[in-house]
Amino acid sequence: MDGTMEASNWVMRCDSHPAMLAAARAGLGIAIAQIPTIKTDPRLQILLPDLELPRLDTWVVTHEDLRHVPKVRALFDRLVEGFKTYR
């Protein structure tokens, strides 16, 4: 390897998905993003279409005392339906 992946050659490293996307949009490099996000932003493009990443589970959770509150229940039901549609 020629050393291009060494941390000393990195312009930016972060754990914030919005910050990674902002950096990619600004031309600082590449980022991992969900395909629907890429498809809705003309500043982003798919670079490795055949690269398969592992799927991650999504958990919708709240404190046990709140799970039966009608507004919280309604929000959770909507989130679950939205995630099913998004998937």
PDB file of N, CA and C in Angstrom:
ATOM      1  N   MET A   1       0.843  -1.182   0.000  1.00  0.00           N
ATOM      2  CA  MET A   1       0.000   0.000   0.000  1.00  0.00           C
ATOM      3  C   MET A   1       0.886   1.243   0.000  1.00  0.00           C
ATOM      4  N   ASP A   2       0.462   2.277  -0.686  1.00  0.00           N
ATOM      5  CA  ASP A   2       1.300   3.464  -0.837  1.00  0.00           C
ATOM      6  C   ASP A   2       1.159   4.481   0.288  1.00  0.00           C
ATOM      7  N   GLY A   3       0.403   4.172   1.313  1.00  0.00           N
ATOM      8  CA  GLY A   3       0.266   5.075   2.451  1.00  0.00           C
ATOM      9  C   GLY A   3      -0.876   6.066   2.342  1.00  0.00           C
ATOM     10  N   THR A   4      -1.665   6.020   1.265  1.00  0.00           N
ATOM     11  CA  THR A   4      -2.737   6.997   1.094  1.00  0.00           C
ATOM     12  C   THR A   4      -3.868   6.827   2.098  1.00  0.00           C
ATOM     13  N   MET A   5      -3.974   5.667   2.735  1.00  0.00           N
ATOM     14  CA  MET A   5      -5.031   5.449   3.723  1.00  0.00           C
ATOM     15  C   MET A   5      -4.585   5.759   5.151  1.00  0.00           C
ATOM     16  N   GLU A   6      -3.375   6.183   5.315  1.00  0.00           N
ATOM     17  CA  GLU A   6      -2.893   6.506   6.655  1.00  0.00           C
ATOM     18  C   GLU A   6      -3.614   7.739   7.191  1.00  0.00           C
ATOM     19  N   ALA A   7      -3.850   7.745   8.487  1.00  0.00           N
ATOM     20  CA  ALA A   7      -4.591   8.854   9.106  1.00  0.00           C
ATOM     21  C   ALA A   7      -3.934  10.201   8.842  1.00  0.00           C
ATOM     22  N   SER A   8      -2.640  10.241   8.668  1.00  0.00           N
ATOM     23  CA  SER A   8      -1.963  11.522   8.423  1.00  0.00           C
ATOM     24  C   SER A   8      -2.362  12.122   7.081  1.00  0.00           C
ATOM     25  N   ASN A   9      -2.952  11.322   6.183  1.00  0.00           N
ATOM     26  CA  ASN A   9      -3.382  11.822   4.877  1.00  0.00           C
ATOM     27  C   ASN A   9      -4.856  12.215   4.842  1.00  0.00           C
ATOM     28  N   TRP A  10      -5.576  12.000   5.939  1.00  0.00           N
ATOM     29  CA  TRP A  10      -6.994  12.299   5.965  1.00  0.00           C
ATOM     30  C   TRP A  10      -7.217  13.794   6.143  1.00  0.00           C
ATOM     31  N   VAL A  11      -8.211  14.307   5.441  1.00  0.00           N
ATOM     32  CA  VAL A  11      -8.603  15.698   5.593  1.00  0.00           C
ATOM     33  C   VAL A  11      -9.560  15.841   6.768  1.00  0.00           C
ATOM     34  N   MET A  12     -10.415  14.838   6.930  1.00  0.00           N
ATOM     35  CA  MET A  12     -11.448  14.914   7.959  1.00  0.00           C
ATOM     36  C   MET A  12     -11.860  13.511   8.367  1.00  0.00           C
ATOM     37  N   ARG A  13     -12.159  13.351   9.626  1.00  0.00           N
ATOM     38  CA  ARG A  13     -12.739  12.111  10.134  1.00  0.00           C
ATOM     39  C   ARG A  13     -13.765  12.492  11.182  1.00  0.00           C
ATOM     40  N   CYS A  14     -14.964  11.919  11.090  1.00  0.00           N
ATOM     41  CA  CYS A  14     -15.996  12.248  12.076  1.00  0.00           C
ATOM     42  C   CYS A  14     -16.964  11.097  12.228  1.00  0.00           C
ATOM     43  N   ASP A  15     -17.752  11.144  13.277  1.00  0.00           N
ATOM     44  CA  ASP A  15     -18.766  10.141  13.544  1.00  0.00           C
ATOM     45  C   ASP A  15     -20.175  10.690  13.318  1.00  0.00           C
ATOM     46  N   SER A  16     -20.262  11.864  12.746  1.00  0.00           N
ATOM     47  CA  SER A  16     -21.555  12.501  12.531  1.00  0.00           C
ATOM     48  C   SER A  16     -21.974  12.324  11.072  1.00  0.00           C
ATOM     49  N   HIS A  17     -23.079  11.608  10.869  1.00  0.00           N
ATOM     50  CA  HIS A  17     -23.557  11.373   9.505  1.00  0.00           C
ATOM     51  C   HIS A  17     -23.866  12.694   8.776  1.00  0.00           C
ATOM     52  N   PRO A  18     -24.579  13.639   9.392  1.00  0.00           N
ATOM     53  CA  PRO A  18     -24.821  14.910   8.710  1.00  0.00           C
ATOM     54  C   PRO A  18     -23.526  15.644   8.357  1.00  0.00           C
ATOM     55  N   ALA A  19     -22.534  15.592   9.230  1.00  0.00           N
ATOM     56  CA  ALA A  19     -21.258  16.253   8.938  1.00  0.00           C
ATOM     57  C   ALA A  19     -20.542  15.567   7.778  1.00  0.00           C
ATOM     58  N   MET A  20     -20.594  14.225   7.727  1.00  0.00           N
ATOM     59  CA  MET A  20     -19.976  13.498   6.611  1.00  0.00           C
ATOM     60  C   MET A  20     -20.627  13.873   5.284  1.00  0.00           C
ATOM     61  N   LEU A  21     -21.952  13.940   5.281  1.00  0.00           N
ATOM     62  CA  LEU A  21     -22.655  14.306   4.057  1.00  0.00           C
ATOM     63  C   LEU A  21     -22.336  15.743   3.647  1.00  0.00           C
ATOM     64  N   ALA A  22     -22.265  16.631   4.616  1.00  0.00           N
ATOM     65  CA  ALA A  22     -21.921  18.023   4.313  1.00  0.00           C
ATOM     66  C   ALA A  22     -20.515  18.113   3.719  1.00  0.00           C
ATOM     67  N   ALA A  23     -19.588  17.345   4.255  1.00  0.00           N
ATOM     68  CA  ALA A  23     -18.219  17.339   3.740  1.00  0.00           C
ATOM     69  C   ALA A  23     -18.186  16.791   2.317  1.00  0.00           C
ATOM     70  N   ALA A  24     -18.922  15.715   2.069  1.00  0.00           N
ATOM     71  CA  ALA A  24     -18.963  15.152   0.713  1.00  0.00           C
ATOM     72  C   ALA A  24     -19.588  16.142  -0.264  1.00  0.00           C
ATOM     73  N   ARG A  25     -20.657  16.808   0.158  1.00  0.00           N
ATOM     74  CA  ARG A  25     -21.288  17.813  -0.701  1.00  0.00           C
ATOM     75  C   ARG A  25     -20.328  18.966  -1.014  1.00  0.00           C
ATOM     76  N   ALA A  26     -19.456  19.260  -0.060  1.00  0.00           N
ATOM     77  CA  ALA A  26     -18.492  20.350  -0.245  1.00  0.00           C
ATOM     78  C   ALA A  26     -17.264  19.902  -1.038  1.00  0.00           C
ATOM     79  N   GLY A  27     -17.208  18.610  -1.390  1.00  0.00           N
ATOM     80  CA  GLY A  27     -16.105  18.119  -2.192  1.00  0.00           C
ATOM     81  C   GLY A  27     -14.884  17.687  -1.410  1.00  0.00           C
ATOM     82  N   LEU A  28     -15.030  17.449  -0.104  1.00  0.00           N
ATOM     83  CA  LEU A  28     -13.886  17.055   0.711  1.00  0.00           C
ATOM     84  C   LEU A  28     -13.546  15.579   0.595  1.00  0.00           C
ATOM     85  N   GLY A  29     -14.416  14.773   0.004  1.00  0.00           N
ATOM     86  CA  GLY A  29     -14.122  13.353  -0.111  1.00  0.00           C
ATOM     87  C   GLY A  29     -15.384  12.547  -0.285  1.00  0.00           C
ATOM     88  N   ILE A  30     -15.323  11.297   0.162  1.00  0.00           N
ATOM     89  CA  ILE A  30     -16.466  10.408   0.014  1.00  0.00           C
ATOM     90  C   ILE A  30     -17.076  10.105   1.379  1.00  0.00           C
ATOM     91  N   ALA A  31     -18.315   9.661   1.350  1.00  0.00           N
ATOM     92  CA  ALA A  31     -19.027   9.311   2.581  1.00  0.00           C
ATOM     93  C   ALA A  31     -19.923   8.122   2.293  1.00  0.00           C
ATOM     94  N   ILE A  32     -20.247   7.380   3.302  1.00  0.00           N
ATOM     95  CA  ILE A  32     -21.233   6.311   3.178  1.00  0.00           C
ATOM     96  C   ILE A  32     -22.596   6.933   3.462  1.00  0.00           C
ATOM     97  N   ALA A  33     -23.537   6.690   2.560  1.00  0.00           N
ATOM     98  CA  ALA A  33     -24.875   7.259   2.722  1.00  0.00           C
ATOM     99  C   ALA A  33     -25.896   6.266   2.184  1.00  0.00           C
ATOM    100  N   GLN A  34     -27.118   6.408   2.630  1.00  0.00           N
ATOM    101  CA  GLN A  34     -28.200   5.570   2.133  1.00  0.00           C
ATOM    102  C   GLN A  34     -28.539   5.994   0.709  1.00  0.00           C
ATOM    103  N   ILE A  35     -28.844   5.028  -0.129  1.00  0.00           N
ATOM    104  CA  ILE A  35     -29.115   5.295  -1.542  1.00  0.00           C
ATOM    105  C   ILE A  35     -30.234   6.324  -1.734  1.00  0.00           C
ATOM    106  N   PRO A  36     -31.363   6.241  -0.989  1.00  0.00           N
ATOM    107  CA  PRO A  36     -32.394   7.275  -1.176  1.00  0.00           C
ATOM    108  C   PRO A  36     -31.869   8.689  -0.896  1.00  0.00           C
ATOM    109  N   THR A  37     -30.956   8.825   0.042  1.00  0.00           N
ATOM    110  CA  THR A  37     -30.362  10.143   0.325  1.00  0.00           C
ATOM    111  C   THR A  37     -29.547  10.615  -0.868  1.00  0.00           C
ATOM    112  N   ILE A  38     -28.759   9.724  -1.436  1.00  0.00           N
ATOM    113  CA  ILE A  38     -27.919  10.081  -2.585  1.00  0.00           C
ATOM    114  C   ILE A  38     -28.776  10.462  -3.784  1.00  0.00           C
ATOM    115  N   LYS A  39     -29.827   9.689  -4.016  1.00  0.00           N
ATOM    116  CA  LYS A  39     -30.671   9.918  -5.193  1.00  0.00           C
ATOM    117  C   LYS A  39     -31.432  11.237  -5.139  1.00  0.00           C
ATOM    118  N   THR A  40     -31.641  11.782  -3.935  1.00  0.00           N
ATOM    119  CA  THR A  40     -32.382  13.037  -3.829  1.00  0.00           C
ATOM    120  C   THR A  40     -31.475  14.257  -3.777  1.00  0.00           C
ATOM    121  N   ASP A  41     -30.170  14.051  -3.858  1.00  0.00           N
ATOM    122  CA  ASP A  41     -29.233  15.170  -3.777  1.00  0.00           C
ATOM    123  C   ASP A  41     -28.314  15.152  -4.996  1.00  0.00           C
ATOM    124  N   PRO A  42     -28.488  16.091  -5.921  1.00  0.00           N
ATOM    125  CA  PRO A  42     -27.682  16.091  -7.144  1.00  0.00           C
ATOM    126  C   PRO A  42     -26.183  16.311  -6.899  1.00  0.00           C
ATOM    127  N   ARG A  43     -25.806  16.744  -5.705  1.00  0.00           N
ATOM    128  CA  ARG A  43     -24.385  16.949  -5.409  1.00  0.00           C
ATOM    129  C   ARG A  43     -23.690  15.654  -5.021  1.00  0.00           C
ATOM    130  N   LEU A  44     -24.462  14.583  -4.810  1.00  0.00           N
ATOM    131  CA  LEU A  44     -23.896  13.294  -4.415  1.00  0.00           C
ATOM    132  C   LEU A  44     -24.058  12.289  -5.542  1.00  0.00           C
ATOM    133  N   GLN A  45     -23.157  11.326  -5.604  1.00  0.00           N
ATOM    134  CA  GLN A  45     -23.265  10.267  -6.599  1.00  0.00           C
ATOM    135  C   GLN A  45     -22.802   8.936  -6.012  1.00  0.00           C
ATOM    136  N   ILE A  46     -23.312   7.863  -6.557  1.00  0.00           N
ATOM    137  CA  ILE A  46     -22.929   6.532  -6.106  1.00  0.00           C
ATOM    138  C   ILE A  46     -21.606   6.177  -6.772  1.00  0.00           C
ATOM    139  N   LEU A  47     -20.594   5.885  -5.964  1.00  0.00           N
ATOM    140  CA  LEU A  47     -19.267   5.571  -6.489  1.00  0.00           C
ATOM    141  C   LEU A  47     -19.007   4.075  -6.598  1.00  0.00           C
ATOM    142  N   LEU A  48     -19.535   3.304  -5.682  1.00  0.00           N
ATOM    143  CA  LEU A  48     -19.287   1.859  -5.642  1.00  0.00           C
ATOM    144  C   LEU A  48     -20.625   1.121  -5.623  1.00  0.00           C
ATOM    145  N   PRO A  49     -21.325   1.076  -6.760  1.00  0.00           N
ATOM    146  CA  PRO A  49     -22.684   0.505  -6.764  1.00  0.00           C
ATOM    147  C   PRO A  49     -22.744  -0.972  -6.401  1.00  0.00           C
ATOM    148  N   ASP A  50     -21.670  -1.699  -6.577  1.00  0.00           N
ATOM    149  CA  ASP A  50     -21.693  -3.135  -6.290  1.00  0.00           C
ATOM    150  C   ASP A  50     -21.215  -3.477  -4.883  1.00  0.00           C
ATOM    151  N   LEU A  51     -20.784  -2.478  -4.132  1.00  0.00           N
ATOM    152  CA  LEU A  51     -20.316  -2.717  -2.768  1.00  0.00           C
ATOM    153  C   LEU A  51     -21.524  -2.932  -1.858  1.00  0.00           C
ATOM    154  N   GLU A  52     -21.599  -4.098  -1.240  1.00  0.00           N
ATOM    155  CA  GLU A  52     -22.704  -4.383  -0.327  1.00  0.00           C
ATOM    156  C   GLU A  52     -22.244  -4.193   1.103  1.00  0.00           C
ATOM    157  N   LEU A  53     -22.939  -3.350   1.814  1.00  0.00           N
ATOM    158  CA  LEU A  53     -22.651  -3.103   3.221  1.00  0.00           C
ATOM    159  C   LEU A  53     -23.641  -3.891   4.068  1.00  0.00           C
ATOM    160  N   PRO A  54     -23.246  -4.243   5.269  1.00  0.00           N
ATOM    161  CA  PRO A  54     -24.183  -4.987   6.121  1.00  0.00           C
ATOM    162  C   PRO A  54     -25.391  -4.128   6.499  1.00  0.00           C
ATOM    163  N   ARG A  55     -26.527  -4.764   6.579  1.00  0.00           N
ATOM    164  CA  ARG A  55     -27.741  -4.055   7.013  1.00  0.00           C
ATOM    165  C   ARG A  55     -27.695  -3.888   8.529  1.00  0.00           C
ATOM    166  N   LEU A  56     -28.201  -2.775   8.973  1.00  0.00           N
ATOM    167  CA  LEU A  56     -28.232  -2.488  10.405  1.00  0.00           C
ATOM    168  C   LEU A  56     -29.684  -2.448  10.872  1.00  0.00           C
ATOM    169  N   ASP A  57     -29.944  -3.057  11.995  1.00  0.00           N
ATOM    170  CA  ASP A  57     -31.282  -2.997  12.577  1.00  0.00           C
ATOM    171  C   ASP A  57     -31.565  -1.590  13.075  1.00  0.00           C
ATOM    172  N   THR A  58     -32.817  -1.201  12.992  1.00  0.00           N
ATOM    173  CA  THR A  58     -33.254   0.082  13.546  1.00  0.00           C
ATOM    174  C   THR A  58     -34.206  -0.212  14.696  1.00  0.00           C
ATOM    175  N   TRP A  59     -33.916   0.347  15.826  1.00  0.00           N
ATOM    176  CA  TRP A  59     -34.750   0.154  17.011  1.00  0.00           C
ATOM    177  C   TRP A  59     -35.453   1.469  17.333  1.00  0.00           C
ATOM    178  N   VAL A  60     -36.744   1.392  17.577  1.00  0.00           N
ATOM    179  CA  VAL A  60     -37.522   2.546  18.010  1.00  0.00           C
ATOM    180  C   VAL A  60     -37.844   2.289  19.480  1.00  0.00           C
ATOM    181  N   VAL A  61     -37.250   3.069  20.364  1.00  0.00           N
ATOM    182  CA  VAL A  61     -37.374   2.803  21.797  1.00  0.00           C
ATOM    183  C   VAL A  61     -37.736   4.070  22.570  1.00  0.00           C
ATOM    184  N   THR A  62     -38.310   3.845  23.740  1.00  0.00           N
ATOM    185  CA  THR A  62     -38.608   4.931  24.662  1.00  0.00           C
ATOM    186  C   THR A  62     -38.596   4.353  26.078  1.00  0.00           C
ATOM    187  N   HIS A  63     -38.665   5.227  27.027  1.00  0.00           N
ATOM    188  CA  HIS A  63     -38.762   4.784  28.412  1.00  0.00           C
ATOM    189  C   HIS A  63     -40.087   4.041  28.597  1.00  0.00           C
ATOM    190  N   GLU A  64     -40.069   2.998  29.395  1.00  0.00           N
ATOM    191  CA  GLU A  64     -41.262   2.168  29.612  1.00  0.00           C
ATOM    192  C   GLU A  64     -42.462   2.990  30.072  1.00  0.00           C
ATOM    193  N   ASP A  65     -42.233   4.028  30.870  1.00  0.00           N
ATOM    194  CA  ASP A  65     -43.330   4.855  31.374  1.00  0.00           C
ATOM    195  C   ASP A  65     -44.012   5.660  30.269  1.00  0.00           C
ATOM    196  N   LEU A  66     -43.352   5.822  29.131  1.00  0.00           N
ATOM    197  CA  LEU A  66     -43.902   6.651  28.053  1.00  0.00           C
ATOM    198  C   LEU A  66     -44.534   5.864  26.914  1.00  0.00           C
ATOM    199  N   ARG A  67     -44.308   4.571  26.876  1.00  0.00           N
ATOM    200  CA  ARG A  67     -44.728   3.828  25.697  1.00  0.00           C
ATOM    201  C   ARG A  67     -46.239   3.755  25.502  1.00  0.00           C
ATOM    202  N   HIS A  68     -47.027   3.995  26.551  1.00  0.00           N
ATOM    203  CA  HIS A  68     -48.483   3.968  26.410  1.00  0.00           C
ATOM    204  C   HIS A  68     -49.100   5.366  26.334  1.00  0.00           C
ATOM    205  N   VAL A  69     -48.279   6.402  26.371  1.00  0.00           N
ATOM    206  CA  VAL A  69     -48.780   7.771  26.201  1.00  0.00           C
ATOM    207  C   VAL A  69     -49.253   7.899  24.745  1.00  0.00           C
ATOM    208  N   PRO A  70     -50.497   8.322  24.517  1.00  0.00           N
ATOM    209  CA  PRO A  70     -51.044   8.330  23.154  1.00  0.00           C
ATOM    210  C   PRO A  70     -50.183   9.054  22.115  1.00  0.00           C
ATOM    211  N   LYS A  71     -49.641  10.215  22.458  1.00  0.00           N
ATOM    212  CA  LYS A  71     -48.820  10.946  21.490  1.00  0.00           C
ATOM    213  C   LYS A  71     -47.525  10.192  21.163  1.00  0.00           C
ATOM    214  N   VAL A  72     -46.934   9.584  22.162  1.00  0.00           N
ATOM    215  CA  VAL A  72     -45.710   8.808  21.950  1.00  0.00           C
ATOM    216  C   VAL A  72     -46.034   7.564  21.124  1.00  0.00           C
ATOM    217  N   ARG A  73     -47.108   6.879  21.464  1.00  0.00           N
ATOM    218  CA  ARG A  73     -47.527   5.687  20.716  1.00  0.00           C
ATOM    219  C   ARG A  73     -47.790   6.042  19.254  1.00  0.00           C
ATOM    220  N   ALA A  74     -48.484   7.167  19.016  1.00  0.00           N
ATOM    221  CA  ALA A  74     -48.788   7.595  17.646  1.00  0.00           C
ATOM    222  C   ALA A  74     -47.500   7.891  16.871  1.00  0.00           C
ATOM    223  N   LEU A  75     -46.569   8.566  17.518  1.00  0.00           N
ATOM    224  CA  LEU A  75     -45.290   8.861  16.875  1.00  0.00           C
ATOM    225  C   LEU A  75     -44.551   7.569  16.531  1.00  0.00           C
ATOM    226  N   PHE A  76     -44.493   6.649  17.474  1.00  0.00           N
ATOM    227  CA  PHE A  76     -43.786   5.393  17.227  1.00  0.00           C
ATOM    228  C   PHE A  76     -44.434   4.599  16.100  1.00  0.00           C
ATOM    229  N   ASP A  77     -45.765   4.534  16.094  1.00  0.00           N
ATOM    230  CA  ASP A  77     -46.456   3.821  15.021  1.00  0.00           C
ATOM    231  C   ASP A  77     -46.126   4.438  13.665  1.00  0.00           C
ATOM    232  N   ARG A  78     -46.084   5.767  13.609  1.00  0.00           N
ATOM    233  CA  ARG A  78     -45.761   6.463  12.353  1.00  0.00           C
ATOM    234  C   ARG A  78     -44.307   6.218  11.949  1.00  0.00           C
ATOM    235  N   LEU A  79     -43.393   6.231  12.907  1.00  0.00           N
ATOM    236  CA  LEU A  79     -41.990   5.960  12.604  1.00  0.00           C
ATOM    237  C   LEU A  79     -41.803   4.550  12.045  1.00  0.00           C
ATOM    238  N   VAL A  80     -42.449   3.586  12.666  1.00  0.00           N
ATOM    239  CA  VAL A  80     -42.332   2.200  12.201  1.00  0.00           C
ATOM    240  C   VAL A  80     -42.866   2.081  10.780  1.00  0.00           C
ATOM    241  N   GLU A  81     -44.012   2.669  10.494  1.00  0.00           N
ATOM    242  CA  GLU A  81     -44.559   2.621   9.134  1.00  0.00           C
ATOM    243  C   GLU A  81     -43.630   3.335   8.152  1.00  0.00           C
ATOM    244  N   GLY A  82     -43.086   4.468   8.569  1.00  0.00           N
ATOM    245  CA  GLY A  82     -42.159   5.196   7.701  1.00  0.00           C
ATOM    246  C   GLY A  82     -40.911   4.401   7.389  1.00  0.00           C
ATOM    247  N   PHE A  83     -40.369   3.722   8.386  1.00  0.00           N
ATOM    248  CA  PHE A  83     -39.183   2.895   8.159  1.00  0.00           C
ATOM    249  C   PHE A  83     -39.503   1.729   7.230  1.00  0.00           C
ATOM    250  N   LYS A  84     -40.679   1.139   7.379  1.00  0.00           N
ATOM    251  CA  LYS A  84     -41.070   0.036   6.485  1.00  0.00           C
ATOM    252  C   LYS A  84     -41.164   0.528   5.043  1.00  0.00           C
ATOM    253  N   THR A  85     -41.725   1.696   4.849  1.00  0.00           N
ATOM    254  CA  THR A  85     -41.852   2.279   3.511  1.00  0.00           C
ATOM    255  C   THR A  85     -40.471   2.624   2.942  1.00  0.00           C
ATOM    256  N   TYR A  86     -39.626   3.177   3.788  1.00  0.00           N
ATOM    257  CA  TYR A  86     -38.279   3.595   3.363  1.00  0.00           C
ATOM    258  C   TYR A  86     -37.439   2.407   2.943  1.00  0.00           C
ATOM    259  N   ARG A  87     -37.602   1.315   3.671  1.00  0.00           N
ATOM    260  CA  ARG A  87     -36.808   0.121   3.404  1.00  0.00           C
ATOM    261  C   ARG A  87     -37.136  -0.409   2.039  1.00  0.00           C
TER     262      ARG A  87
END
